[in-house]
Amino acid sequence: MARTVTKPWDPAEHLTSEDDMVAYLDAALALQRHASPAGDKAVA
């Protein structure tokens, strides 16, 4: 099986509009809420 090659990804280099930034943060926070044992009750 071929090895997977990864490289660092800096969102600041790719998110150019405010809409892009909002979508990125919304997705990141949704993943955090999903992974949190407290679910939506978690407070950062």
PDB file of N, CA and C in Angstrom:
ATOM      1  N   MET A   1       0.847  -1.174   0.000  1.00  0.00           N
ATOM      2  CA  MET A   1       0.000   0.000   0.000  1.00  0.00           C
ATOM      3  C   MET A   1       0.894   1.239   0.000  1.00  0.00           C
ATOM      4  N   ALA A   2       0.511   2.245  -0.767  1.00  0.00           N
ATOM      5  CA  ALA A   2       1.295   3.479  -0.846  1.00  0.00           C
ATOM      6  C   ALA A   2       1.175   4.276   0.454  1.00  0.00           C
ATOM      7  N   ARG A   3       2.232   4.959   0.803  1.00  0.00           N
ATOM      8  CA  ARG A   3       2.219   5.788   2.007  1.00  0.00           C
ATOM      9  C   ARG A   3       1.453   7.076   1.737  1.00  0.00           C
ATOM     10  N   THR A   4       0.764   7.530   2.730  1.00  0.00           N
ATOM     11  CA  THR A   4       0.066   8.798   2.639  1.00  0.00           C
ATOM     12  C   THR A   4       1.033   9.914   2.998  1.00  0.00           C
ATOM     13  N   VAL A   5       1.112  10.909   2.140  1.00  0.00           N
ATOM     14  CA  VAL A   5       1.991  12.039   2.378  1.00  0.00           C
ATOM     15  C   VAL A   5       1.125  13.225   2.775  1.00  0.00           C
ATOM     16  N   THR A   6       1.457  13.823   3.886  1.00  0.00           N
ATOM     17  CA  THR A   6       0.710  14.987   4.345  1.00  0.00           C
ATOM     18  C   THR A   6       1.644  16.187   4.431  1.00  0.00           C
ATOM     19  N   LYS A   7       1.054  17.369   4.442  1.00  0.00           N
ATOM     20  CA  LYS A   7       1.841  18.579   4.612  1.00  0.00           C
ATOM     21  C   LYS A   7       1.038  19.553   5.454  1.00  0.00           C
ATOM     22  N   PRO A   8       1.715  20.446   6.156  1.00  0.00           N
ATOM     23  CA  PRO A   8       1.006  21.418   6.988  1.00  0.00           C
ATOM     24  C   PRO A   8       0.088  22.281   6.127  1.00  0.00           C
ATOM     25  N   TRP A   9      -1.050  22.667   6.708  1.00  0.00           N
ATOM     26  CA  TRP A   9      -2.002  23.518   6.020  1.00  0.00           C
ATOM     27  C   TRP A   9      -2.317  24.703   6.905  1.00  0.00           C
ATOM     28  N   ASP A  10      -2.019  25.888   6.421  1.00  0.00           N
ATOM     29  CA  ASP A  10      -2.266  27.106   7.185  1.00  0.00           C
ATOM     30  C   ASP A  10      -3.521  27.770   6.638  1.00  0.00           C
ATOM     31  N   PRO A  11      -4.621  27.757   7.397  1.00  0.00           N
ATOM     32  CA  PRO A  11      -5.862  28.338   6.890  1.00  0.00           C
ATOM     33  C   PRO A  11      -5.718  29.811   6.531  1.00  0.00           C
ATOM     34  N   ALA A  12      -4.821  30.531   7.180  1.00  0.00           N
ATOM     35  CA  ALA A  12      -4.653  31.960   6.896  1.00  0.00           C
ATOM     36  C   ALA A  12      -4.192  32.200   5.454  1.00  0.00           C
ATOM     37  N   GLU A  13      -3.544  31.221   4.863  1.00  0.00           N
ATOM     38  CA  GLU A  13      -3.079  31.354   3.484  1.00  0.00           C
ATOM     39  C   GLU A  13      -4.178  31.068   2.470  1.00  0.00           C
ATOM     40  N   HIS A  14      -5.268  30.455   2.880  1.00  0.00           N
ATOM     41  CA  HIS A  14      -6.278  29.996   1.931  1.00  0.00           C
ATOM     42  C   HIS A  14      -7.653  30.629   2.121  1.00  0.00           C
ATOM     43  N   LEU A  15      -7.934  31.120   3.296  1.00  0.00           N
ATOM     44  CA  LEU A  15      -9.244  31.710   3.568  1.00  0.00           C
ATOM     45  C   LEU A  15      -9.162  33.200   3.267  1.00  0.00           C
ATOM     46  N   THR A  16      -9.696  33.583   2.121  1.00  0.00           N
ATOM     47  CA  THR A  16      -9.514  34.956   1.666  1.00  0.00           C
ATOM     48  C   THR A  16     -10.698  35.852   1.960  1.00  0.00           C
ATOM     49  N   SER A  17     -11.882  35.294   2.072  1.00  0.00           N
ATOM     50  CA  SER A  17     -13.054  36.135   2.317  1.00  0.00           C
ATOM     51  C   SER A  17     -13.600  35.876   3.719  1.00  0.00           C
ATOM     52  N   GLU A  18     -14.397  36.806   4.190  1.00  0.00           N
ATOM     53  CA  GLU A  18     -15.015  36.629   5.501  1.00  0.00           C
ATOM     54  C   GLU A  18     -15.941  35.417   5.503  1.00  0.00           C
ATOM     55  N   ASP A  19     -16.627  35.178   4.395  1.00  0.00           N
ATOM     56  CA  ASP A  19     -17.496  33.993   4.303  1.00  0.00           C
ATOM     57  C   ASP A  19     -16.696  32.702   4.426  1.00  0.00           C
ATOM     58  N   ASP A  20     -15.504  32.657   3.810  1.00  0.00           N
ATOM     59  CA  ASP A  20     -14.630  31.486   3.926  1.00  0.00           C
ATOM     60  C   ASP A  20     -14.231  31.259   5.381  1.00  0.00           C
ATOM     61  N   MET A  21     -13.880  32.346   6.070  1.00  0.00           N
ATOM     62  CA  MET A  21     -13.451  32.246   7.465  1.00  0.00           C
ATOM     63  C   MET A  21     -14.584  31.773   8.365  1.00  0.00           C
ATOM     64  N   VAL A  22     -15.776  32.293   8.132  1.00  0.00           N
ATOM     65  CA  VAL A  22     -16.937  31.891   8.934  1.00  0.00           C
ATOM     66  C   VAL A  22     -17.231  30.414   8.720  1.00  0.00           C
ATOM     67  N   ALA A  23     -17.194  29.964   7.476  1.00  0.00           N
ATOM     68  CA  ALA A  23     -17.472  28.554   7.182  1.00  0.00           C
ATOM     69  C   ALA A  23     -16.431  27.639   7.830  1.00  0.00           C
ATOM     70  N   TYR A  24     -15.161  28.041   7.775  1.00  0.00           N
ATOM     71  CA  TYR A  24     -14.083  27.252   8.372  1.00  0.00           C
ATOM     72  C   TYR A  24     -14.261  27.141   9.885  1.00  0.00           C
ATOM     73  N   LEU A  25     -14.511  28.273  10.539  1.00  0.00           N
ATOM     74  CA  LEU A  25     -14.683  28.256  11.989  1.00  0.00           C
ATOM     75  C   LEU A  25     -15.937  27.495  12.394  1.00  0.00           C
ATOM     76  N   ASP A  26     -16.996  27.625  11.628  1.00  0.00           N
ATOM     77  CA  ASP A  26     -18.224  26.894  11.921  1.00  0.00           C
ATOM     78  C   ASP A  26     -17.981  25.384  11.863  1.00  0.00           C
ATOM     79  N   ALA A  27     -17.272  24.945  10.841  1.00  0.00           N
ATOM     80  CA  ALA A  27     -16.969  23.516  10.710  1.00  0.00           C
ATOM     81  C   ALA A  27     -16.046  23.039  11.827  1.00  0.00           C
ATOM     82  N   ALA A  28     -15.038  23.841  12.176  1.00  0.00           N
ATOM     83  CA  ALA A  28     -14.100  23.457  13.238  1.00  0.00           C
ATOM     84  C   ALA A  28     -14.816  23.359  14.578  1.00  0.00           C
ATOM     85  N   LEU A  29     -15.686  24.308  14.863  1.00  0.00           N
ATOM     86  CA  LEU A  29     -16.407  24.279  16.137  1.00  0.00           C
ATOM     87  C   LEU A  29     -17.421  23.145  16.164  1.00  0.00           C
ATOM     88  N   ALA A  30     -18.016  22.830  15.046  1.00  0.00           N
ATOM     89  CA  ALA A  30     -18.952  21.710  14.990  1.00  0.00           C
ATOM     90  C   ALA A  30     -18.215  20.406  15.287  1.00  0.00           C
ATOM     91  N   LEU A  31     -17.004  20.265  14.775  1.00  0.00           N
ATOM     92  CA  LEU A  31     -16.208  19.067  15.067  1.00  0.00           C
ATOM     93  C   LEU A  31     -15.854  19.006  16.544  1.00  0.00           C
ATOM     94  N   GLN A  32     -15.525  20.148  17.137  1.00  0.00           N
ATOM     95  CA  GLN A  32     -15.182  20.182  18.557  1.00  0.00           C
ATOM     96  C   GLN A  32     -16.392  19.782  19.400  1.00  0.00           C
ATOM     97  N   ARG A  33     -17.568  20.324  19.071  1.00  0.00           N
ATOM     98  CA  ARG A  33     -18.777  19.976  19.829  1.00  0.00           C
ATOM     99  C   ARG A  33     -19.084  18.494  19.696  1.00  0.00           C
ATOM    100  N   HIS A  34     -18.865  17.948  18.508  1.00  0.00           N
ATOM    101  CA  HIS A  34     -19.142  16.533  18.272  1.00  0.00           C
ATOM    102  C   HIS A  34     -18.185  15.647  19.073  1.00  0.00           C
ATOM    103  N   ALA A  35     -16.935  16.082  19.192  1.00  0.00           N
ATOM    104  CA  ALA A  35     -15.916  15.289  19.876  1.00  0.00           C
ATOM    105  C   ALA A  35     -15.943  15.475  21.389  1.00  0.00           C
ATOM    106  N   SER A  36     -16.585  16.515  21.871  1.00  0.00           N
ATOM    107  CA  SER A  36     -16.590  16.822  23.281  1.00  0.00           C
ATOM    108  C   SER A  36     -17.498  15.858  24.045  1.00  0.00           C
ATOM    109  N   PRO A  37     -17.045  15.322  25.177  1.00  0.00           N
ATOM    110  CA  PRO A  37     -17.892  14.416  25.952  1.00  0.00           C
ATOM    111  C   PRO A  37     -19.131  15.123  26.512  1.00  0.00           C
ATOM    112  N   ALA A  38     -19.060  16.442  26.667  1.00  0.00           N
ATOM    113  CA  ALA A  38     -20.204  17.179  27.199  1.00  0.00           C
ATOM    114  C   ALA A  38     -21.167  17.592  26.092  1.00  0.00           C
ATOM    115  N   GLY A  39     -20.818  17.332  24.843  1.00  0.00           N
ATOM    116  CA  GLY A  39     -21.696  17.695  23.734  1.00  0.00           C
ATOM    117  C   GLY A  39     -21.856  19.193  23.635  1.00  0.00           C
ATOM    118  N   ASP A  40     -23.060  19.655  23.371  1.00  0.00           N
ATOM    119  CA  ASP A  40     -23.313  21.090  23.186  1.00  0.00           C
ATOM    120  C   ASP A  40     -23.216  21.871  24.481  1.00  0.00           C
ATOM    121  N   LYS A  41     -23.114  21.201  25.623  1.00  0.00           N
ATOM    122  CA  LYS A  41     -23.049  21.888  26.909  1.00  0.00           C
ATOM    123  C   LYS A  41     -21.639  22.362  27.222  1.00  0.00           C
ATOM    124  N   ALA A  42     -20.660  22.004  26.374  1.00  0.00           N
ATOM    125  CA  ALA A  42     -19.288  22.406  26.614  1.00  0.00           C
ATOM    126  C   ALA A  42     -19.135  23.895  26.418  1.00  0.00           C
ATOM    127  N   VAL A  43     -18.383  24.504  27.320  1.00  0.00           N
ATOM    128  CA  VAL A  43     -18.108  25.933  27.232  1.00  0.00           C
ATOM    129  C   VAL A  43     -16.607  26.104  27.124  1.00  0.00           C
ATOM    130  N   ALA A  44     -16.198  26.871  26.120  1.00  0.00           N
ATOM    131  CA  ALA A  44     -14.752  27.066  25.912  1.00  0.00           C
ATOM    132  C   ALA A  44     -14.249  28.223  26.735  1.00  0.00           C
TER     133      ALA A  44
END
